[in-house]
Each structure stands twice: as structure tokens, then as C-alpha cells.
Amino acid sequence: KCSLATLLNNYKLELSPKTQLPLQMLPAVLL
């Protein structure tokens, strides 16, 4: 919540074309 509040109080976010859609999750990781 601290991080999001700092970000949204001062900046705006837009999706970058670098994001690969649709999202596919990596194998070989626990998360």
C-alpha cells in the first residue's frame, strides 16, 4: 500500500507494448 500510494499520488501508469499478451507464466519457478 505504501508503494502504490507513492506511485499513484505522483505518477500515472500506461501499459508498454513490451508486455507479451496474453500473459504466459514461466516454468521452473515456484512463484
Full PDB file with SEQRES, HELIX, SHEET, SSBOND, CRYST1, ORIGX, SCALE, CONECT and MASTER records, all heavy atoms in Angstrom:
SEQRES   1 A   31  LYS CYS SER LEU ALA THR LEU LEU ASN ASN TYR LYS LEU          
SEQRES   2 A   31  GLU LEU SER PRO LYS THR GLN LEU PRO LEU GLN MET LEU          
SEQRES   3 A   31  PRO ALA VAL LEU LEU                                          
HELIX    1 AA1 CYS A    2  ASN A   10  1                                   9    
CRYST1    1.000    1.000    1.000  90.00  90.00  90.00 P 1           1          
ORIGX1      1.000000  0.000000  0.000000        0.00000                         
ORIGX2      0.000000  1.000000  0.000000        0.00000                         
ORIGX3      0.000000  0.000000  1.000000        0.00000                         
SCALE1      1.000000  0.000000  0.000000        0.00000                         
SCALE2      0.000000  1.000000  0.000000        0.00000                         
SCALE3      0.000000  0.000000  1.000000        0.00000                         
ATOM      1  N   LYS A   1       0.821  -1.205   0.000  1.00  0.00           N  
ATOM      2  CA  LYS A   1       0.000   0.000   0.000  1.00  0.00           C  
ATOM      3  C   LYS A   1       0.864   1.268   0.000  1.00  0.00           C  
ATOM      4  O   LYS A   1       0.532   2.257  -0.672  1.00  0.00           O  
ATOM      5  CB  LYS A   1      -0.952  -0.007   1.194  1.00  0.00           C  
ATOM      6  CG  LYS A   1      -2.013  -1.111   1.106  1.00  0.00           C  
ATOM      7  CD  LYS A   1      -2.980  -1.093   2.274  1.00  0.00           C  
ATOM      8  CE  LYS A   1      -4.000   0.034   2.146  1.00  0.00           C  
ATOM      9  NZ  LYS A   1      -5.090  -0.097   3.154  1.00  0.00           N  
ATOM     10  N   CYS A   2       1.963   1.246   0.741  1.00  0.00           N  
ATOM     11  CA  CYS A   2       2.870   2.400   0.747  1.00  0.00           C  
ATOM     12  C   CYS A   2       3.427   2.664  -0.652  1.00  0.00           C  
ATOM     13  O   CYS A   2       3.470   3.816  -1.120  1.00  0.00           O  
ATOM     14  CB  CYS A   2       4.023   2.140   1.721  1.00  0.00           C  
ATOM     15  SG  CYS A   2       3.625   2.368   3.457  1.00  0.00           S  
ATOM     16  N   SER A   3       3.862   1.605  -1.309  1.00  0.00           N  
ATOM     17  CA  SER A   3       4.437   1.747  -2.645  1.00  0.00           C  
ATOM     18  C   SER A   3       3.412   2.268  -3.643  1.00  0.00           C  
ATOM     19  O   SER A   3       3.685   3.206  -4.418  1.00  0.00           O  
ATOM     20  CB  SER A   3       4.979   0.393  -3.109  1.00  0.00           C  
ATOM     21  OG  SER A   3       5.512   0.481  -4.408  1.00  0.00           O  
ATOM     22  N   LEU A   4       2.205   1.701  -3.628  1.00  0.00           N  
ATOM     23  CA  LEU A   4       1.155   2.133  -4.564  1.00  0.00           C  
ATOM     24  C   LEU A   4       0.719   3.557  -4.305  1.00  0.00           C  
ATOM     25  O   LEU A   4       0.482   4.338  -5.243  1.00  0.00           O  
ATOM     26  CB  LEU A   4      -0.047   1.188  -4.463  1.00  0.00           C  
ATOM     27  CG  LEU A   4       0.162  -0.229  -4.985  1.00  0.00           C  
ATOM     28  CD1 LEU A   4      -1.065  -1.092  -4.700  1.00  0.00           C  
ATOM     29  CD2 LEU A   4       0.469  -0.231  -6.481  1.00  0.00           C  
ATOM     30  N   ALA A   5       0.603   3.927  -3.032  1.00  0.00           N  
ATOM     31  CA  ALA A   5       0.194   5.296  -2.704  1.00  0.00           C  
ATOM     32  C   ALA A   5       1.226   6.303  -3.206  1.00  0.00           C  
ATOM     33  O   ALA A   5       0.870   7.353  -3.767  1.00  0.00           O  
ATOM     34  CB  ALA A   5       0.004   5.429  -1.188  1.00  0.00           C  
ATOM     35  N   THR A   6       2.504   6.005  -3.020  1.00  0.00           N  
ATOM     36  CA  THR A   6       3.573   6.893  -3.504  1.00  0.00           C  
ATOM     37  C   THR A   6       3.523   7.011  -5.023  1.00  0.00           C  
ATOM     38  O   THR A   6       3.654   8.108  -5.580  1.00  0.00           O  
ATOM     39  CB  THR A   6       4.941   6.348  -3.069  1.00  0.00           C  
ATOM     40  OG1 THR A   6       4.982   6.240  -1.649  1.00  0.00           O  
ATOM     41  CG2 THR A   6       6.068   7.252  -3.545  1.00  0.00           C  
ATOM     42  N   LEU A   7       3.322   5.903  -5.687  1.00  0.00           N  
ATOM     43  CA  LEU A   7       3.306   5.886  -7.149  1.00  0.00           C  
ATOM     44  C   LEU A   7       2.113   6.669  -7.704  1.00  0.00           C  
ATOM     45  O   LEU A   7       2.272   7.552  -8.563  1.00  0.00           O  
ATOM     46  CB  LEU A   7       3.268   4.442  -7.636  1.00  0.00           C  
ATOM     47  CG  LEU A   7       3.400   4.200  -9.133  1.00  0.00           C  
ATOM     48  CD1 LEU A   7       4.764   4.655  -9.632  1.00  0.00           C  
ATOM     49  CD2 LEU A   7       3.195   2.725  -9.463  1.00  0.00           C  
ATOM     50  N   LEU A   8       0.921   6.380  -7.201  1.00  0.00           N  
ATOM     51  CA  LEU A   8      -0.288   6.977  -7.773  1.00  0.00           C  
ATOM     52  C   LEU A   8      -0.473   8.432  -7.376  1.00  0.00           C  
ATOM     53  O   LEU A   8      -1.132   9.193  -8.087  1.00  0.00           O  
ATOM     54  CB  LEU A   8      -1.514   6.164  -7.356  1.00  0.00           C  
ATOM     55  CG  LEU A   8      -1.572   4.754  -7.949  1.00  0.00           C  
ATOM     56  CD1 LEU A   8      -2.745   3.982  -7.382  1.00  0.00           C  
ATOM     57  CD2 LEU A   8      -1.659   4.802  -9.461  1.00  0.00           C  
ATOM     58  N   ASN A   9       0.094   8.827  -6.271  1.00  0.00           N  
ATOM     59  CA  ASN A   9      -0.017  10.228  -5.849  1.00  0.00           C  
ATOM     60  C   ASN A   9       0.780  11.161  -6.754  1.00  0.00           C  
ATOM     61  O   ASN A   9       0.471  12.354  -6.836  1.00  0.00           O  
ATOM     62  CB  ASN A   9       0.478  10.370  -4.404  1.00  0.00           C  
ATOM     63  CG  ASN A   9       0.218  11.746  -3.827  1.00  0.00           C  
ATOM     64  OD1 ASN A   9      -0.879  12.292  -3.962  1.00  0.00           O  
ATOM     65  ND2 ASN A   9       1.218  12.314  -3.174  1.00  0.00           N  
ATOM     66  N   ASN A  10       1.768  10.606  -7.453  1.00  0.00           N  
ATOM     67  CA  ASN A  10       2.672  11.463  -8.216  1.00  0.00           C  
ATOM     68  C   ASN A  10       2.806  11.105  -9.700  1.00  0.00           C  
ATOM     69  O   ASN A  10       3.246  11.936 -10.491  1.00  0.00           O  
ATOM     70  CB  ASN A  10       4.079  11.392  -7.591  1.00  0.00           C  
ATOM     71  CG  ASN A  10       4.091  11.838  -6.144  1.00  0.00           C  
ATOM     72  OD1 ASN A  10       4.073  13.023  -5.856  1.00  0.00           O  
ATOM     73  ND2 ASN A  10       4.134  10.869  -5.219  1.00  0.00           N  
ATOM     74  N   TYR A  11       2.404   9.882 -10.072  1.00  0.00           N  
ATOM     75  CA  TYR A  11       2.681   9.410 -11.427  1.00  0.00           C  
ATOM     76  C   TYR A  11       1.483   8.654 -11.994  1.00  0.00           C  
ATOM     77  O   TYR A  11       0.578   8.247 -11.260  1.00  0.00           O  
ATOM     78  CB  TYR A  11       3.907   8.483 -11.421  1.00  0.00           C  
ATOM     79  CG  TYR A  11       5.070   9.019 -10.647  1.00  0.00           C  
ATOM     80  CD1 TYR A  11       5.262   8.652  -9.311  1.00  0.00           C  
ATOM     81  CD2 TYR A  11       5.971   9.905 -11.219  1.00  0.00           C  
ATOM     82  CE1 TYR A  11       6.330   9.153  -8.577  1.00  0.00           C  
ATOM     83  CE2 TYR A  11       7.037  10.414 -10.503  1.00  0.00           C  
ATOM     84  CZ  TYR A  11       7.210  10.040  -9.169  1.00  0.00           C  
ATOM     85  OH  TYR A  11       8.260  10.553  -8.444  1.00  0.00           O  
ATOM     86  N   LYS A  12       1.506   8.463 -13.303  1.00  0.00           N  
ATOM     87  CA  LYS A  12       0.498   7.623 -13.950  1.00  0.00           C  
ATOM     88  C   LYS A  12       1.181   6.481 -14.687  1.00  0.00           C  
ATOM     89  O   LYS A  12       2.350   6.594 -15.102  1.00  0.00           O  
ATOM     90  CB  LYS A  12      -0.381   8.431 -14.897  1.00  0.00           C  
ATOM     91  CG  LYS A  12       0.327   9.054 -16.078  1.00  0.00           C  
ATOM     92  CD  LYS A  12      -0.685   9.833 -16.923  1.00  0.00           C  
ATOM     93  CE  LYS A  12       0.014  10.514 -18.110  1.00  0.00           C  
ATOM     94  NZ  LYS A  12      -0.938  11.294 -18.942  1.00  0.00           N  
ATOM     95  N   LEU A  13       0.451   5.395 -14.844  1.00  0.00           N  
ATOM     96  CA  LEU A  13       0.954   4.186 -15.468  1.00  0.00           C  
ATOM     97  C   LEU A  13       0.237   3.922 -16.784  1.00  0.00           C  
ATOM     98  O   LEU A  13      -0.989   4.050 -16.859  1.00  0.00           O  
ATOM     99  CB  LEU A  13       0.720   2.985 -14.551  1.00  0.00           C  
ATOM    100  CG  LEU A  13       1.608   2.808 -13.321  1.00  0.00           C  
ATOM    101  CD1 LEU A  13       0.926   1.864 -12.348  1.00  0.00           C  
ATOM    102  CD2 LEU A  13       2.957   2.244 -13.731  1.00  0.00           C  
ATOM    103  N   GLU A  14       0.999   3.529 -17.801  1.00  0.00           N  
ATOM    104  CA  GLU A  14       0.426   3.076 -19.072  1.00  0.00           C  
ATOM    105  C   GLU A  14       1.127   1.776 -19.461  1.00  0.00           C  
ATOM    106  O   GLU A  14       2.333   1.635 -19.251  1.00  0.00           O  
ATOM    107  CB  GLU A  14       0.622   4.127 -20.169  1.00  0.00           C  
ATOM    108  CG  GLU A  14      -0.099   5.437 -19.903  1.00  0.00           C  
ATOM    109  CD  GLU A  14       0.281   6.505 -20.919  1.00  0.00           C  
ATOM    110  OE1 GLU A  14       1.498   6.771 -21.074  1.00  0.00           O  
ATOM    111  OE2 GLU A  14      -0.639   7.040 -21.555  1.00  0.00           O  
ATOM    112  N   LEU A  15       0.377   0.865 -20.047  1.00  0.00           N  
ATOM    113  CA  LEU A  15       0.959  -0.417 -20.434  1.00  0.00           C  
ATOM    114  C   LEU A  15       1.923  -0.230 -21.597  1.00  0.00           C  
ATOM    115  O   LEU A  15       1.629   0.458 -22.569  1.00  0.00           O  
ATOM    116  CB  LEU A  15      -0.141  -1.400 -20.814  1.00  0.00           C  
ATOM    117  CG  LEU A  15       0.289  -2.870 -20.941  1.00  0.00           C  
ATOM    118  CD1 LEU A  15       0.714  -3.424 -19.588  1.00  0.00           C  
ATOM    119  CD2 LEU A  15      -0.840  -3.709 -21.523  1.00  0.00           C  
ATOM    120  N   SER A  16       3.082  -0.867 -21.495  1.00  0.00           N  
ATOM    121  CA  SER A  16       4.068  -0.816 -22.572  1.00  0.00           C  
ATOM    122  C   SER A  16       3.827  -1.954 -23.561  1.00  0.00           C  
ATOM    123  O   SER A  16       3.445  -3.064 -23.157  1.00  0.00           O  
ATOM    124  CB  SER A  16       5.479  -0.930 -21.994  1.00  0.00           C  
ATOM    125  OG  SER A  16       6.416  -1.242 -23.008  1.00  0.00           O  
ATOM    126  N   PRO A  17       4.073  -1.701 -24.850  1.00  0.00           N  
ATOM    127  CA  PRO A  17       3.947  -2.775 -25.858  1.00  0.00           C  
ATOM    128  C   PRO A  17       4.899  -3.935 -25.612  1.00  0.00           C  
ATOM    129  O   PRO A  17       4.726  -5.010 -26.192  1.00  0.00           O  
ATOM    130  CB  PRO A  17       4.287  -2.060 -27.177  1.00  0.00           C  
ATOM    131  CG  PRO A  17       4.103  -0.613 -26.907  1.00  0.00           C  
ATOM    132  CD  PRO A  17       4.406  -0.407 -25.463  1.00  0.00           C  
ATOM    133  N   LYS A  18       5.891  -3.756 -24.748  1.00  0.00           N  
ATOM    134  CA  LYS A  18       6.827  -4.838 -24.461  1.00  0.00           C  
ATOM    135  C   LYS A  18       6.166  -5.983 -23.683  1.00  0.00           C  
ATOM    136  O   LYS A  18       6.694  -7.097 -23.666  1.00  0.00           O  
ATOM    137  CB  LYS A  18       8.024  -4.316 -23.656  1.00  0.00           C  
ATOM    138  CG  LYS A  18       9.046  -3.542 -24.477  1.00  0.00           C  
ATOM    139  CD  LYS A  18      10.260  -3.243 -23.629  1.00  0.00           C  
ATOM    140  CE  LYS A  18      11.327  -2.505 -24.431  1.00  0.00           C  
ATOM    141  NZ  LYS A  18      12.524  -2.222 -23.598  1.00  0.00           N  
ATOM    142  N   THR A  19       5.043  -5.711 -23.034  1.00  0.00           N  
ATOM    143  CA  THR A  19       4.353  -6.763 -22.289  1.00  0.00           C  
ATOM    144  C   THR A  19       3.763  -7.764 -23.271  1.00  0.00           C  
ATOM    145  O   THR A  19       3.022  -7.401 -24.185  1.00  0.00           O  
ATOM    146  CB  THR A  19       3.234  -6.169 -21.409  1.00  0.00           C  
ATOM    147  OG1 THR A  19       3.802  -5.231 -20.497  1.00  0.00           O  
ATOM    148  CG2 THR A  19       2.522  -7.262 -20.633  1.00  0.00           C  
ATOM    149  N   GLN A  20       4.095  -9.032 -23.090  1.00  0.00           N  
ATOM    150  CA  GLN A  20       3.652 -10.082 -24.004  1.00  0.00           C  
ATOM    151  C   GLN A  20       2.263 -10.574 -23.607  1.00  0.00           C  
ATOM    152  O   GLN A  20       2.093 -11.176 -22.551  1.00  0.00           O  
ATOM    153  CB  GLN A  20       4.653 -11.249 -23.978  1.00  0.00           C  
ATOM    154  CG  GLN A  20       6.046 -10.864 -24.449  1.00  0.00           C  
ATOM    155  CD  GLN A  20       7.049 -12.003 -24.302  1.00  0.00           C  
ATOM    156  OE1 GLN A  20       6.673 -13.155 -24.148  1.00  0.00           O  
ATOM    157  NE2 GLN A  20       8.324 -11.668 -24.361  1.00  0.00           N  
ATOM    158  N   LEU A  21       1.297 -10.278 -24.477  1.00  0.00           N  
ATOM    159  CA  LEU A  21      -0.092 -10.663 -24.214  1.00  0.00           C  
ATOM    160  C   LEU A  21      -0.529 -11.751 -25.188  1.00  0.00           C  
ATOM    161  O   LEU A  21      -0.139 -11.728 -26.354  1.00  0.00           O  
ATOM    162  CB  LEU A  21      -1.006  -9.439 -24.348  1.00  0.00           C  
ATOM    163  CG  LEU A  21      -0.715  -8.283 -23.392  1.00  0.00           C  
ATOM    164  CD1 LEU A  21      -1.588  -7.080 -23.720  1.00  0.00           C  
ATOM    165  CD2 LEU A  21      -0.931  -8.710 -21.951  1.00  0.00           C  
ATOM    166  N   PRO A  22      -1.351 -12.713 -24.754  1.00  0.00           N  
ATOM    167  CA  PRO A  22      -1.801 -12.911 -23.371  1.00  0.00           C  
ATOM    168  C   PRO A  22      -0.669 -13.388 -22.480  1.00  0.00           C  
ATOM    169  O   PRO A  22       0.301 -13.984 -22.960  1.00  0.00           O  
ATOM    170  CB  PRO A  22      -2.883 -13.991 -23.524  1.00  0.00           C  
ATOM    171  CG  PRO A  22      -2.474 -14.761 -24.738  1.00  0.00           C  
ATOM    172  CD  PRO A  22      -1.868 -13.754 -25.672  1.00  0.00           C  
ATOM    173  N   LEU A  23      -0.796 -13.123 -21.193  1.00  0.00           N  
ATOM    174  CA  LEU A  23       0.261 -13.475 -20.257  1.00  0.00           C  
ATOM    175  C   LEU A  23       0.443 -14.993 -20.180  1.00  0.00           C  
ATOM    176  O   LEU A  23      -0.530 -15.744 -20.110  1.00  0.00           O  
ATOM    177  CB  LEU A  23      -0.067 -12.942 -18.855  1.00  0.00           C  
ATOM    178  CG  LEU A  23      -0.246 -11.421 -18.713  1.00  0.00           C  
ATOM    179  CD1 LEU A  23      -0.532 -11.078 -17.256  1.00  0.00           C  
ATOM    180  CD2 LEU A  23       0.970 -10.658 -19.223  1.00  0.00           C  
ATOM    181  N   GLN A  24       1.695 -15.430 -20.210  1.00  0.00           N  
ATOM    182  CA  GLN A  24       2.049 -16.838 -20.024  1.00  0.00           C  
ATOM    183  C   GLN A  24       3.065 -16.911 -18.896  1.00  0.00           C  
ATOM    184  O   GLN A  24       4.041 -16.157 -18.891  1.00  0.00           O  
ATOM    185  CB  GLN A  24       2.643 -17.427 -21.310  1.00  0.00           C  
ATOM    186  CG  GLN A  24       1.711 -17.416 -22.503  1.00  0.00           C  
ATOM    187  CD  GLN A  24       0.550 -18.386 -22.343  1.00  0.00           C  
ATOM    188  OE1 GLN A  24       0.673 -19.422 -21.692  1.00  0.00           O  
ATOM    189  NE2 GLN A  24      -0.598 -18.059 -22.931  1.00  0.00           N  
ATOM    190  N   MET A  25       2.849 -17.821 -17.935  1.00  0.00           N  
ATOM    191  CA  MET A  25       3.737 -17.891 -16.777  1.00  0.00           C  
ATOM    192  C   MET A  25       4.940 -18.791 -17.038  1.00  0.00           C  
ATOM    193  O   MET A  25       4.845 -19.810 -17.731  1.00  0.00           O  
ATOM    194  CB  MET A  25       2.970 -18.370 -15.552  1.00  0.00           C  
ATOM    195  CG  MET A  25       1.775 -17.488 -15.229  1.00  0.00           C  
ATOM    196  SD  MET A  25       2.235 -15.735 -15.069  1.00  0.00           S  
ATOM    197  CE  MET A  25       0.682 -14.932 -15.522  1.00  0.00           C  
ATOM    198  N   LEU A  26       6.067 -18.401 -16.476  1.00  0.00           N  
ATOM    199  CA  LEU A  26       7.308 -19.146 -16.662  1.00  0.00           C  
ATOM    200  C   LEU A  26       7.260 -20.484 -15.934  1.00  0.00           C  
ATOM    201  O   LEU A  26       6.721 -20.582 -14.827  1.00  0.00           O  
ATOM    202  CB  LEU A  26       8.494 -18.342 -16.114  1.00  0.00           C  
ATOM    203  CG  LEU A  26       8.934 -17.116 -16.905  1.00  0.00           C  
ATOM    204  CD1 LEU A  26      10.008 -16.374 -16.121  1.00  0.00           C  
ATOM    205  CD2 LEU A  26       9.467 -17.503 -18.275  1.00  0.00           C  
ATOM    206  N   PRO A  27       7.845 -21.528 -16.541  1.00  0.00           N  
ATOM    207  CA  PRO A  27       8.029 -22.789 -15.822  1.00  0.00           C  
ATOM    208  C   PRO A  27       9.269 -22.710 -14.941  1.00  0.00           C  
ATOM    209  O   PRO A  27       9.985 -21.699 -14.940  1.00  0.00           O  
ATOM    210  CB  PRO A  27       8.209 -23.799 -16.954  1.00  0.00           C  
ATOM    211  CG  PRO A  27       8.865 -23.003 -18.033  1.00  0.00           C  
ATOM    212  CD  PRO A  27       8.294 -21.599 -17.934  1.00  0.00           C  
ATOM    213  N   ALA A  28       9.522 -23.764 -14.195  1.00  0.00           N  
ATOM    214  CA  ALA A  28      10.758 -23.925 -13.404  1.00  0.00           C  
ATOM    215  C   ALA A  28      10.931 -22.882 -12.315  1.00  0.00           C  
ATOM    216  O   ALA A  28      12.045 -22.632 -11.868  1.00  0.00           O  
ATOM    217  CB  ALA A  28      11.990 -23.926 -14.323  1.00  0.00           C  
ATOM    218  N   VAL A  29       9.850 -22.237 -11.893  1.00  0.00           N  
ATOM    219  CA  VAL A  29       9.909 -21.328 -10.753  1.00  0.00           C  
ATOM    220  C   VAL A  29       8.750 -21.653  -9.821  1.00  0.00           C  
ATOM    221  O   VAL A  29       7.712 -22.154 -10.244  1.00  0.00           O  
ATOM    222  CB  VAL A  29       9.838 -19.841 -11.181  1.00  0.00           C  
ATOM    223  CG1 VAL A  29      11.112 -19.410 -11.844  1.00  0.00           C  
ATOM    224  CG2 VAL A  29       8.656 -19.579 -12.093  1.00  0.00           C  
ATOM    225  N   LEU A  30       8.931 -21.347  -8.545  1.00  0.00           N  
ATOM    226  CA  LEU A  30       7.899 -21.654  -7.560  1.00  0.00           C  
ATOM    227  C   LEU A  30       6.801 -20.599  -7.534  1.00  0.00           C  
ATOM    228  O   LEU A  30       5.693 -20.869  -7.074  1.00  0.00           O  
ATOM    229  CB  LEU A  30       8.528 -21.750  -6.171  1.00  0.00           C  
ATOM    230  CG  LEU A  30       9.557 -22.869  -5.971  1.00  0.00           C  
ATOM    231  CD1 LEU A  30      10.177 -22.769  -4.592  1.00  0.00           C  
ATOM    232  CD2 LEU A  30       8.921 -24.227  -6.182  1.00  0.00           C  
ATOM    233  N   LEU A  31       7.102 -19.404  -8.027  1.00  0.00           N  
ATOM    234  CA  LEU A  31       6.170 -18.289  -7.933  1.00  0.00           C  
ATOM    235  C   LEU A  31       5.568 -17.961  -9.303  1.00  0.00           C  
ATOM    236  O   LEU A  31       5.964 -18.517 -10.329  1.00  0.00           O  
ATOM    237  CB  LEU A  31       6.888 -17.068  -7.354  1.00  0.00           C  
ATOM    238  CG  LEU A  31       7.553 -17.311  -5.991  1.00  0.00           C  
ATOM    239  CD1 LEU A  31       8.343 -16.094  -5.548  1.00  0.00           C  
ATOM    240  CD2 LEU A  31       6.523 -17.691  -4.939  1.00  0.00           C  
TER     241      LEU A  31                                                      
MASTER        0    0    0    1    0    0    0    6  240    1    0    3          
END                                                                             
